[in-house]
């Protein structure tokens, strides 16, 4: 490949999806990845002990089997296998209650008890509208056609959810405290707390996806998704170069024309450059500041990131001994004793404090995928939301906070600590070193609060993947629709480039 039609900066999932769509259209594509391996946060390593496979970042994929950006790539045809646990999301508390939901509607209704009918109403509505809803939410804004297909009545119903806080929506919809924990706890996958205005929609969407595609688990680890994308791209003639960091983008006559690597190599692009990078990195580091409008520079300097992330992986001698049988059967377990407990946690993180009783997202991949661990043994994956930095640095506190996390799990699963064979701690700086898009350990490409979504992601008026530079596009999770391994940001950026080239 002498001069490719397109250069994609970054081989994360959005970059690889963008490359695939361009290659499908007949373009020659070169993907340049700074790290020594592709995939970004979608990868798997034996980080604790030999034979134990741990996902380094993303681990559960509610969009994986259903995303309209991934489905046309037919990744199962190149070896991707989706696995599912009996339940998808469990929410145990210290008082012994445990709400749980999943693809099995009857099981979810039985577990939720008196809140079963309310859940059934939501799940059946989503089952009728899922494909149209995902098309509307994941398409390039303003997505008039997909919105019309979704329908005015459904739009009004979704708008009513979006107008609520997580607490407000949960208290109106469910009767028991256990069921009321579900949607606000799911929203804390991002930086949206239970009392944040307009915050219900994040948790609502994750709950609905749990009821349909489920929190899917790729057999063999998250790296299986990356490998499938690479295989599909190779079939189409695309080329990926790792260990090649782009230092700057060359602009000639107002058009992105080439990139310069840290090794000093200048590589031309005939038609387009797509950046699977953070928005601030693109506008403040890769481009000459004189080429970027001053208001955009200021917006990027003040860009609002989400919470940091403190992640742990364990090799276990057996399954987690949850007190709740439903937690033991769930792909993902969320800790949080009440709405007030989740609100307390949110406030602590926003004050820059390490949470005293941390909310956790706990992944049990080996429950559904026995290839993750030696026979009879298990892996465990968990994270808590934290400030991106702490006084004195993470090295000073990471062991004690990891102990705090293990104690939190032990309270819900007595005997857990005795089953730990090894553990690995990953702090916010570690995550950013692995994938520089995860600034300060932010998993979501910037804040998920409403003022940073839709037409303001990453900033108005540059919300449609185009930039002030012709032939330069931003196709990362820093664009609409944001976080999640759905590939929509990459697909939409690629389609913008294809449209602009006729």
Protein backbone atom coordinates (compact mmCIF):
# COMPACT_ATOMS: atom_id res chain seq x y z
CA UNK A 1 0.00 0.00 0.00
CA UNK A 2 1.82 3.13 -1.22
CA UNK A 3 -0.78 5.83 -0.55
CA UNK A 4 -3.98 4.57 1.07
CA UNK A 5 -7.35 6.16 0.43
CA UNK A 6 -7.85 6.50 4.18
CA UNK A 7 -5.77 6.47 7.33
CA UNK A 8 -7.44 5.51 10.60
CA UNK A 9 -5.63 6.68 13.73
CA UNK A 10 -6.20 4.10 16.46
CA UNK A 11 -7.09 0.40 16.34
CA UNK A 12 -9.71 0.40 19.08
CA UNK A 13 -13.14 -1.01 18.25
CA UNK A 14 -14.41 2.21 16.68
CA UNK A 15 -11.28 2.60 14.58
CA UNK A 16 -11.50 -0.99 13.35
CA UNK A 17 -15.22 -0.66 12.58
CA UNK A 18 -14.55 2.55 10.62
CA UNK A 19 -11.77 0.81 8.71
CA UNK A 20 -14.05 -2.10 7.87
CA UNK A 21 -16.79 0.12 6.49
CA UNK A 22 -14.34 2.08 4.36
CA UNK A 23 -12.78 -1.14 3.07
CA UNK A 24 -16.22 -2.58 2.29
CA UNK A 25 -16.79 0.48 0.11
CA UNK A 26 -13.66 -0.35 -1.86
CA UNK A 27 -11.23 2.05 -0.22
CA UNK A 28 -7.69 1.06 0.65
CA UNK A 29 -7.25 1.56 4.39
CA UNK A 30 -4.25 1.83 6.71
CA UNK A 31 -4.82 1.71 10.48
CA UNK A 32 -2.04 3.13 12.68
CA UNK A 33 -2.01 2.08 16.33
CA UNK A 34 0.37 3.57 18.91
CA UNK A 35 0.40 0.53 21.20
CA UNK A 36 2.13 -2.76 20.46
CA UNK A 37 -1.20 -4.53 20.09
CA UNK A 38 -4.57 -3.54 18.60
CA UNK A 39 -7.91 -3.39 20.42
CA UNK A 40 -7.49 -0.60 22.95
CA UNK A 41 -9.57 -1.56 25.99
CA UNK A 42 -11.11 -4.53 24.14
CA UNK A 43 -8.45 -7.14 24.84
CA UNK A 44 -7.71 -10.13 27.08
CA UNK A 45 -4.59 -11.17 29.01
CA UNK A 46 -3.42 -13.82 31.49
CA UNK A 47 -2.73 -11.10 34.02
CA UNK A 48 -3.06 -13.07 37.28
CA UNK A 49 -1.99 -16.69 36.73
CA UNK A 50 -1.41 -18.90 33.69
CA UNK A 51 -4.69 -20.18 32.26
CA UNK A 52 -6.83 -17.38 33.71
CA UNK A 53 -8.06 -15.03 30.95
CA UNK A 54 -8.96 -11.51 32.11
CA UNK A 55 -10.46 -8.72 30.03
CA UNK A 56 -8.30 -5.62 30.35
CA UNK A 57 -11.20 -3.19 29.97
CA UNK A 58 -14.61 -3.81 28.43
CA UNK A 59 -15.94 -7.24 29.42
CA UNK A 60 -19.70 -7.38 28.81
CA UNK A 61 -21.33 -6.28 25.61
CA UNK A 62 -25.04 -5.40 25.68
CA UNK A 63 -24.71 -3.95 22.16
CA UNK A 64 -22.57 -6.78 20.84
CA UNK A 65 -25.21 -9.10 19.35
CA UNK A 66 -27.64 -6.30 18.43
CA UNK A 67 -25.79 -3.16 17.27
CA UNK A 68 -26.79 -2.04 13.76
CA UNK A 69 -23.14 -1.04 13.26
CA UNK A 70 -21.77 -4.51 14.09
CA UNK A 71 -24.45 -6.74 12.60
CA UNK A 72 -23.57 -6.02 8.93
CA UNK A 73 -19.96 -7.07 9.63
CA UNK A 74 -21.19 -10.58 10.56
CA UNK A 75 -18.44 -11.16 13.11
CA UNK A 76 -19.75 -14.63 14.09
CA UNK A 77 -18.87 -15.69 10.54
CA UNK A 78 -15.19 -15.06 11.37
CA UNK A 79 -15.20 -16.89 14.67
CA UNK A 80 -16.87 -14.64 17.27
CA UNK A 81 -19.06 -16.69 19.63
CA UNK A 82 -21.40 -15.01 22.12
CA UNK A 83 -22.09 -16.64 25.49
CA UNK A 84 -24.73 -15.77 28.10
CA UNK A 85 -25.16 -16.42 31.80
CA UNK A 86 -28.60 -17.54 33.07
CA UNK A 87 -29.23 -13.98 34.33
CA UNK A 88 -27.66 -10.75 33.13
CA UNK A 89 -27.69 -8.20 35.97
CA UNK A 90 -28.03 -8.86 39.71
CA UNK A 91 -28.30 -6.25 42.46
CA UNK A 92 -27.75 -7.81 45.91
CA UNK A 93 -27.75 -5.81 49.14
CA UNK A 94 -26.50 -6.49 52.65
CA UNK A 95 -30.09 -6.89 53.88
CA UNK A 96 -30.34 -10.10 51.85
CA UNK A 97 -32.53 -8.77 49.05
CA UNK A 98 -31.45 -9.22 45.45
CA UNK A 99 -33.19 -7.94 42.35
CA UNK A 100 -32.09 -9.47 39.05
CA UNK A 101 -33.03 -9.11 35.40
CA UNK A 102 -32.10 -10.71 32.13
CA UNK A 103 -33.17 -12.11 28.80
CA UNK A 104 -35.38 -14.68 30.54
CA UNK A 105 -38.54 -12.66 31.10
CA UNK A 106 -40.30 -15.26 33.23
CA UNK A 107 -37.28 -15.65 35.52
CA UNK A 108 -36.95 -11.86 35.84
CA UNK A 109 -40.64 -11.51 36.73
CA UNK A 110 -40.40 -14.27 39.34
CA UNK A 111 -37.34 -12.70 40.97
CA UNK A 112 -38.83 -9.20 41.04
CA UNK A 113 -42.05 -10.41 42.67
CA UNK A 114 -44.54 -7.58 43.03
CA UNK A 115 -42.48 -5.49 40.58
CA UNK A 116 -42.60 -8.26 37.99
CA UNK A 117 -45.60 -6.82 36.08
CA UNK A 118 -43.94 -3.39 35.81
CA UNK A 119 -40.77 -5.02 34.46
CA UNK A 120 -42.75 -7.15 32.01
CA UNK A 121 -44.43 -4.05 30.61
CA UNK A 122 -41.06 -2.41 29.95
CA UNK A 123 -39.41 -5.53 28.55
CA UNK A 124 -42.28 -6.29 26.16
CA UNK A 125 -42.27 -2.69 24.90
CA UNK A 126 -38.54 -2.93 24.27
CA UNK A 127 -38.92 -6.28 22.51
CA UNK A 128 -41.39 -4.68 20.08
CA UNK A 129 -39.27 -1.59 19.42
CA UNK A 130 -35.66 -2.66 19.96
CA UNK A 131 -34.36 -2.61 16.40
CA UNK A 132 -35.97 0.75 15.60
CA UNK A 133 -34.81 2.18 18.94
CA UNK A 134 -31.18 1.14 18.44
CA UNK A 135 -31.20 2.47 14.89
CA UNK A 136 -32.52 5.82 16.14
CA UNK A 137 -30.11 6.09 19.07
CA UNK A 138 -26.97 4.95 17.24
CA UNK A 139 -27.42 6.82 13.95
CA UNK A 140 -25.90 10.14 12.97
CA UNK A 141 -27.90 13.02 14.44
CA UNK A 142 -30.53 14.30 13.85
CA UNK A 143 -31.50 10.79 12.60
CA UNK A 144 -34.87 11.97 11.31
CA UNK A 145 -35.61 8.82 9.32
CA UNK A 146 -34.79 6.38 12.15
CA UNK A 147 -36.73 8.53 14.62
CA UNK A 148 -39.80 8.47 12.38
CA UNK A 149 -39.55 4.70 12.09
CA UNK A 150 -39.33 4.46 15.87
CA UNK A 151 -42.59 6.39 15.99
CA UNK A 152 -43.93 9.50 17.77
CA UNK A 153 -45.60 7.57 20.58
CA UNK A 154 -42.40 5.67 21.37
CA UNK A 155 -40.37 8.88 21.18
CA UNK A 156 -42.66 10.49 23.75
CA UNK A 157 -42.31 7.48 26.00
CA UNK A 158 -38.53 7.62 25.76
CA UNK A 159 -38.54 11.38 26.31
CA UNK A 160 -40.49 10.91 29.53
CA UNK A 161 -37.74 8.59 30.78
CA UNK A 162 -35.03 11.02 29.66
CA UNK A 163 -36.69 13.88 31.54
CA UNK A 164 -36.36 12.04 34.87
CA UNK A 165 -33.58 11.43 37.33
CA UNK A 166 -32.78 7.79 37.95
CA UNK A 167 -34.30 8.00 41.42
CA UNK A 168 -37.46 9.72 40.21
CA UNK A 169 -38.05 7.21 37.44
CA UNK A 170 -37.30 4.20 39.66
CA UNK A 171 -39.61 5.38 42.43
CA UNK A 172 -42.47 6.00 39.98
CA UNK A 173 -42.01 2.66 38.24
CA UNK A 174 -41.23 0.15 41.00
CA UNK A 175 -42.53 -0.47 44.50
CA UNK A 176 -39.67 -2.27 46.23
CA UNK A 177 -36.30 -0.85 47.15
CA UNK A 178 -34.61 -3.84 45.55
CA UNK A 179 -36.13 -3.16 42.11
CA UNK A 180 -35.57 0.57 42.49
CA UNK A 181 -31.81 -0.04 42.72
CA UNK A 182 -31.57 -1.50 39.22
CA UNK A 183 -31.73 1.47 36.84
CA UNK A 184 -29.75 3.96 38.99
CA UNK A 185 -27.07 1.33 39.62
CA UNK A 186 -26.75 0.63 35.90
CA UNK A 187 -26.37 4.37 35.24
CA UNK A 188 -23.26 4.34 37.42
CA UNK A 189 -21.50 2.38 34.69
CA UNK A 190 -20.91 6.02 33.65
CA UNK A 191 -20.75 9.18 35.78
CA UNK A 192 -24.52 9.60 36.18
CA UNK A 193 -25.78 9.50 39.76
CA UNK A 194 -29.31 8.65 40.92
CA UNK A 195 -30.28 12.27 41.56
CA UNK A 196 -28.79 13.82 38.42
CA UNK A 197 -31.39 15.63 36.31
CA UNK A 198 -32.20 13.78 33.07
CA UNK A 199 -30.12 10.85 34.31
CA UNK A 200 -32.60 7.96 34.04
CA UNK A 201 -32.05 7.28 30.35
CA UNK A 202 -28.56 5.79 30.75
CA UNK A 203 -29.60 3.13 33.25
CA UNK A 204 -32.92 2.59 31.45
CA UNK A 205 -31.20 1.74 28.18
CA UNK A 206 -28.79 -0.70 29.85
CA UNK A 207 -31.71 -2.35 31.64
CA UNK A 208 -33.63 -2.71 28.39
CA UNK A 209 -30.59 -4.16 26.63
CA UNK A 210 -30.21 -6.65 29.47
CA UNK A 211 -33.74 -7.81 28.66
CA UNK A 212 -33.02 -8.40 24.96
CA UNK A 213 -29.44 -8.93 23.79
CA UNK A 214 -28.32 -9.42 27.38
CA UNK A 215 -24.88 -8.65 28.77
CA UNK A 216 -23.19 -10.87 26.21
CA UNK A 217 -19.79 -12.46 26.83
CA UNK A 218 -17.41 -13.25 23.94
CA UNK A 219 -16.02 -16.75 24.20
CA UNK A 220 -12.30 -16.61 24.92
CA UNK A 221 -12.36 -13.01 26.07
CA UNK A 222 -12.96 -9.51 24.77
CA UNK A 223 -9.96 -9.91 22.48
CA UNK A 224 -12.14 -12.24 20.41
CA UNK A 225 -14.09 -9.17 19.24
CA UNK A 226 -10.91 -7.39 18.21
CA UNK A 227 -9.60 -10.49 16.44
CA UNK A 228 -12.87 -10.84 14.51
CA UNK A 229 -12.72 -7.21 13.39
CA UNK A 230 -9.09 -7.69 12.33
CA UNK A 231 -9.96 -10.86 10.42
CA UNK A 232 -12.80 -9.15 8.59
CA UNK A 233 -10.57 -6.16 7.76
CA UNK A 234 -7.78 -8.39 6.47
CA UNK A 235 -10.26 -10.13 4.14
CA UNK A 236 -11.06 -6.70 2.68
CA UNK A 237 -7.41 -5.77 2.19
CA UNK A 238 -7.06 -3.38 5.12
CA UNK A 239 -3.68 -3.07 6.83
CA UNK A 240 -3.00 -2.50 10.54
CA UNK A 241 0.37 -1.25 11.82
CA UNK A 242 0.93 -1.38 15.56
CA UNK A 243 3.67 0.44 17.45
CA UNK A 244 3.16 3.45 15.17
CA UNK A 245 2.14 6.58 17.03
CA UNK A 246 0.83 9.50 15.00
CA UNK A 247 2.50 12.69 16.14
CA UNK A 248 0.59 15.19 14.00
CA UNK A 249 -1.82 15.55 11.11
CA UNK A 250 -0.63 17.46 8.05
CA UNK A 251 -3.16 19.92 6.60
CA UNK A 252 -2.75 21.40 3.14
CA UNK A 253 -5.12 24.05 1.76
CA UNK A 254 -7.63 23.35 4.52
CA UNK A 255 -7.68 19.59 3.92
CA UNK A 256 -6.20 16.74 5.97
CA UNK A 257 -3.57 15.29 3.67
CA UNK A 258 -1.17 13.14 5.69
CA UNK A 259 0.06 12.07 9.10
CA UNK A 260 3.53 12.21 10.59
CA UNK A 261 4.56 9.43 12.96
CA UNK A 262 6.86 9.71 15.96
CA UNK A 263 9.50 7.97 13.84
CA UNK A 264 9.35 10.92 11.43
CA UNK A 265 7.58 9.05 8.62
CA UNK A 266 5.04 11.07 6.63
CA UNK A 267 2.18 8.98 5.23
CA UNK A 268 -0.21 10.51 2.71
CA UNK A 269 -3.96 9.81 2.65
CA UNK A 270 -5.74 10.30 -0.67
CA UNK A 271 -9.28 10.73 0.62
CA UNK A 272 -9.73 10.91 4.40
CA UNK A 273 -8.26 10.59 7.87
CA UNK A 274 -10.41 9.24 10.69
CA UNK A 275 -9.25 9.67 14.29
CA UNK A 276 -10.25 7.08 16.88
CA UNK A 277 -8.74 9.33 19.55
CA UNK A 278 -9.99 11.54 22.34
CA UNK A 279 -11.45 14.83 21.13
CA UNK A 280 -8.90 16.90 23.12
CA UNK A 281 -6.02 14.86 21.71
CA UNK A 282 -7.20 15.50 18.15
CA UNK A 283 -7.73 19.23 18.51
CA UNK A 284 -5.00 20.11 21.00
CA UNK A 285 -2.18 17.72 20.08
CA UNK A 286 -2.53 16.29 16.57
CA UNK A 287 -3.51 19.51 14.82
CA UNK A 288 -1.63 22.79 14.59
CA UNK A 289 -3.49 25.06 17.06
CA UNK A 290 -3.62 27.84 14.44
CA UNK A 291 -5.91 25.61 12.35
CA UNK A 292 -8.48 25.05 15.10
CA UNK A 293 -11.11 27.73 15.84
CA UNK A 294 -10.44 29.44 19.17
CA UNK A 295 -13.82 28.52 20.72
CA UNK A 296 -13.17 24.87 19.90
CA UNK A 297 -9.72 25.04 21.50
CA UNK A 298 -11.23 26.53 24.65
CA UNK A 299 -13.94 23.85 24.74
CA UNK A 300 -11.32 21.12 24.51
CA UNK A 301 -9.20 22.68 27.25
CA UNK A 302 -12.26 22.60 29.50
CA UNK A 303 -13.52 19.22 28.30
CA UNK A 304 -15.60 17.37 30.91
CA UNK A 305 -14.37 13.84 31.53
CA UNK A 306 -16.29 11.17 33.41
CA UNK A 307 -15.31 9.43 36.64
CA UNK A 308 -12.06 7.56 36.93
CA UNK A 309 -12.03 3.77 37.21
CA UNK A 310 -10.30 1.45 39.67
CA UNK A 311 -10.32 -2.09 38.30
CA UNK A 312 -9.40 -5.46 39.76
CA UNK A 313 -9.02 -9.01 38.43
CA UNK A 314 -8.90 -12.19 40.49
CA UNK A 315 -8.01 -15.79 39.89
CA UNK A 316 -10.29 -17.87 42.14
CA UNK A 317 -10.19 -21.47 43.34
CA UNK A 318 -13.95 -21.72 42.82
CA UNK A 319 -17.04 -19.63 42.06
CA UNK A 320 -17.85 -16.60 44.19
CA UNK A 321 -19.91 -17.90 47.16
CA UNK A 322 -22.71 -15.35 46.87
CA UNK A 323 -25.38 -15.45 49.57
CA UNK A 324 -27.89 -14.83 46.78
CA UNK A 325 -28.38 -17.66 44.30
CA UNK A 326 -29.48 -15.12 41.68
CA UNK A 327 -26.18 -13.24 42.01
CA UNK A 328 -24.32 -16.51 41.51
CA UNK A 329 -26.15 -17.02 38.19
CA UNK A 330 -25.65 -13.49 36.82
CA UNK A 331 -23.15 -12.25 34.28
CA UNK A 332 -22.78 -8.94 36.12
CA UNK A 333 -23.38 -8.13 39.79
CA UNK A 334 -23.86 -4.57 41.03
CA UNK A 335 -23.37 -3.62 44.66
CA UNK A 336 -25.41 -0.82 46.22
CA UNK A 337 -27.72 -1.21 49.19
CA UNK A 338 -30.24 1.51 48.31
CA UNK A 339 -30.81 4.63 46.27
CA UNK A 340 -29.39 6.65 49.15
CA UNK A 341 -26.30 4.41 49.18
CA UNK A 342 -25.74 5.04 45.47
CA UNK A 343 -26.23 8.78 45.99
CA UNK A 344 -23.69 8.78 48.85
CA UNK A 345 -21.17 6.98 46.66
CA UNK A 346 -21.68 9.47 43.82
CA UNK A 347 -21.18 12.43 46.14
CA UNK A 348 -17.95 10.98 47.57
CA UNK A 349 -16.42 10.51 44.12
CA UNK A 350 -17.43 14.03 43.04
CA UNK A 351 -15.76 15.44 46.16
CA UNK A 352 -12.55 13.71 45.10
CA UNK A 353 -12.75 11.09 47.87
CA UNK A 354 -12.18 7.36 47.73
CA UNK A 355 -15.58 5.77 48.48
CA UNK A 356 -15.83 4.24 51.94
CA UNK A 357 -18.26 1.51 50.85
CA UNK A 358 -17.68 1.34 47.11
CA UNK A 359 -20.32 0.67 44.51
CA UNK A 360 -18.98 -2.10 42.28
CA UNK A 361 -19.63 -3.53 38.84
CA UNK A 362 -18.57 -7.18 39.16
CA UNK A 363 -18.14 -9.42 36.13
CA UNK A 364 -18.38 -13.21 36.26
CA UNK A 365 -17.24 -14.13 32.76
CA UNK A 366 -16.31 -17.70 33.65
CA UNK A 367 -19.90 -18.42 34.73
CA UNK A 368 -20.88 -18.37 31.06
CA UNK A 369 -17.51 -19.05 29.43
CA UNK A 370 -15.52 -21.90 31.01
CA UNK A 371 -12.59 -21.22 28.64
CA UNK A 372 -11.63 -18.31 30.88
CA UNK A 373 -10.15 -20.44 33.68
CA UNK A 374 -8.72 -23.91 34.35
CA UNK A 375 -11.27 -26.63 35.14
CA UNK A 376 -13.09 -26.00 38.40
CA UNK A 377 -11.60 -22.53 38.82
CA UNK A 378 -12.96 -19.08 37.98
CA UNK A 379 -12.04 -15.54 37.06
CA UNK A 380 -13.57 -12.40 38.53
CA UNK A 381 -13.45 -8.84 37.18
CA UNK A 382 -14.67 -5.70 38.96
CA UNK A 383 -14.41 -1.95 38.95
CA UNK A 384 -15.43 0.98 41.08
CA UNK A 385 -15.80 4.58 39.97
CA UNK A 386 -13.24 6.82 41.65
CA UNK A 387 -11.64 10.26 41.27
CA UNK A 388 -9.07 10.26 38.45
CA UNK A 389 -6.35 11.28 40.93
CA UNK A 390 -5.93 11.09 44.70
CA UNK A 391 -3.67 13.04 47.11
CA UNK A 392 -0.25 11.46 47.26
CA UNK A 393 -0.86 9.31 44.19
CA UNK A 394 -2.43 5.93 43.58
CA UNK A 395 0.59 3.88 44.65
CA UNK A 396 0.06 5.08 48.20
CA UNK A 397 -3.56 3.91 48.49
CA UNK A 398 -4.21 1.24 45.88
CA UNK A 399 -3.59 -1.78 48.11
CA UNK A 400 -5.83 -0.51 50.90
CA UNK A 401 -8.61 0.42 48.49
CA UNK A 402 -8.33 -3.01 46.86
CA UNK A 403 -8.74 -4.53 50.33
CA UNK A 404 -11.83 -2.36 50.80
CA UNK A 405 -13.30 -3.71 47.57
CA UNK A 406 -12.66 -7.30 48.64
CA UNK A 407 -14.33 -6.64 51.97
CA UNK A 408 -17.36 -5.25 50.13
CA UNK A 409 -17.65 -8.46 48.12
CA UNK A 410 -17.05 -10.61 51.21
CA UNK A 411 -20.08 -9.00 52.89
CA UNK A 412 -22.27 -10.31 50.08
CA UNK A 413 -20.34 -13.54 49.52
CA UNK A 414 -18.92 -14.89 52.81
CA UNK A 415 -15.83 -16.97 52.08
CA UNK A 416 -14.86 -15.03 48.96
CA UNK A 417 -11.45 -14.00 50.26
CA UNK A 418 -10.49 -17.63 50.96
CA UNK A 419 -10.96 -18.43 47.27
CA UNK A 420 -8.53 -15.78 45.99
CA UNK A 421 -5.47 -17.32 44.35
CA UNK A 422 -4.12 -14.04 42.92
CA UNK A 423 -5.22 -10.49 42.23
CA UNK A 424 -4.21 -7.67 39.91
CA UNK A 425 -4.94 -4.00 40.58
CA UNK A 426 -5.42 -1.49 37.77
CA UNK A 427 -5.56 2.22 38.69
CA UNK A 428 -6.78 5.14 36.52
CA UNK A 429 -3.20 5.96 35.37
CA UNK A 430 -2.71 2.30 34.44
CA UNK A 431 -5.81 2.38 32.25
CA UNK A 432 -4.69 5.56 30.50
CA UNK A 433 -1.23 4.06 29.90
CA UNK A 434 -2.89 1.05 28.27
CA UNK A 435 -5.27 3.14 26.13
CA UNK A 436 -4.71 6.89 26.05
CA UNK A 437 -8.37 7.47 25.14
CA UNK A 438 -9.17 6.47 28.76
CA UNK A 439 -8.06 9.82 30.14
CA UNK A 440 -7.86 9.68 33.93
CA UNK A 441 -9.45 6.24 33.79
CA UNK A 442 -12.61 7.58 32.13
CA UNK A 443 -14.12 4.60 30.31
CA UNK A 444 -16.76 6.54 28.40
CA UNK A 445 -15.08 9.10 26.17
CA UNK A 446 -16.16 12.00 28.36
CA UNK A 447 -19.01 12.62 30.74
CA UNK A 448 -22.33 10.88 30.05
CA UNK A 449 -24.36 13.63 31.71
CA UNK A 450 -27.03 15.13 29.49
CA UNK A 451 -25.22 18.41 28.81
CA UNK A 452 -22.43 16.42 27.14
CA UNK A 453 -24.62 14.22 24.97
CA UNK A 454 -26.39 14.36 21.60
CA UNK A 455 -25.64 17.64 19.78
CA UNK A 456 -23.02 18.58 22.41
CA UNK A 457 -20.84 15.47 22.02
CA UNK A 458 -18.03 16.39 21.84
CA UNK A 459 -19.07 20.00 21.21
CA UNK A 460 -21.59 21.88 19.08
CA UNK A 461 -21.54 22.19 16.05
CA UNK A 462 -19.00 19.38 15.51
CA UNK A 463 -21.32 16.54 16.51
CA UNK A 464 -21.62 14.85 13.10
CA UNK A 465 -18.08 13.40 13.02
CA UNK A 466 -16.78 16.11 10.69
CA UNK A 467 -14.21 18.59 11.98
CA UNK A 468 -13.24 22.13 10.88
CA UNK A 469 -10.65 20.46 8.62
CA UNK A 470 -11.93 18.95 5.38
CA UNK A 471 -11.42 15.18 5.05
CA UNK A 472 -10.70 14.85 8.79
CA UNK A 473 -13.23 13.01 10.95
CA UNK A 474 -13.50 12.09 14.63
CA UNK A 475 -14.86 8.56 15.05
CA UNK A 476 -14.23 7.66 18.70
CA UNK A 477 -16.49 7.29 21.74
CA UNK A 478 -15.99 11.02 22.27
CA UNK A 479 -18.67 11.45 19.59
CA UNK A 480 -22.36 10.51 19.61
CA UNK A 481 -23.61 8.01 20.79
CA UNK A 482 -20.65 7.64 23.15
CA UNK A 483 -19.53 4.75 25.30
CA UNK A 484 -20.21 1.09 24.62
CA UNK A 485 -18.73 -1.38 22.16
CA UNK A 486 -21.35 -0.82 19.48
CA UNK A 487 -19.06 0.52 16.74
CA UNK A 488 -21.55 3.25 15.84
CA UNK A 489 -19.07 6.11 16.28
CA UNK A 490 -16.65 4.51 13.83
CA UNK A 491 -19.35 3.47 11.38
CA UNK A 492 -20.95 6.92 11.33
CA UNK A 493 -17.60 8.65 10.83
CA UNK A 494 -16.77 6.32 7.95
CA UNK A 495 -20.15 6.98 6.35
CA UNK A 496 -19.58 10.73 6.66
CA UNK A 497 -16.30 10.34 4.80
CA UNK A 498 -17.91 8.19 2.12
CA UNK A 499 -20.75 10.69 1.64
CA UNK A 500 -18.31 13.58 1.33
CA UNK A 501 -16.41 11.68 -1.36
CA UNK A 502 -19.61 10.93 -3.24
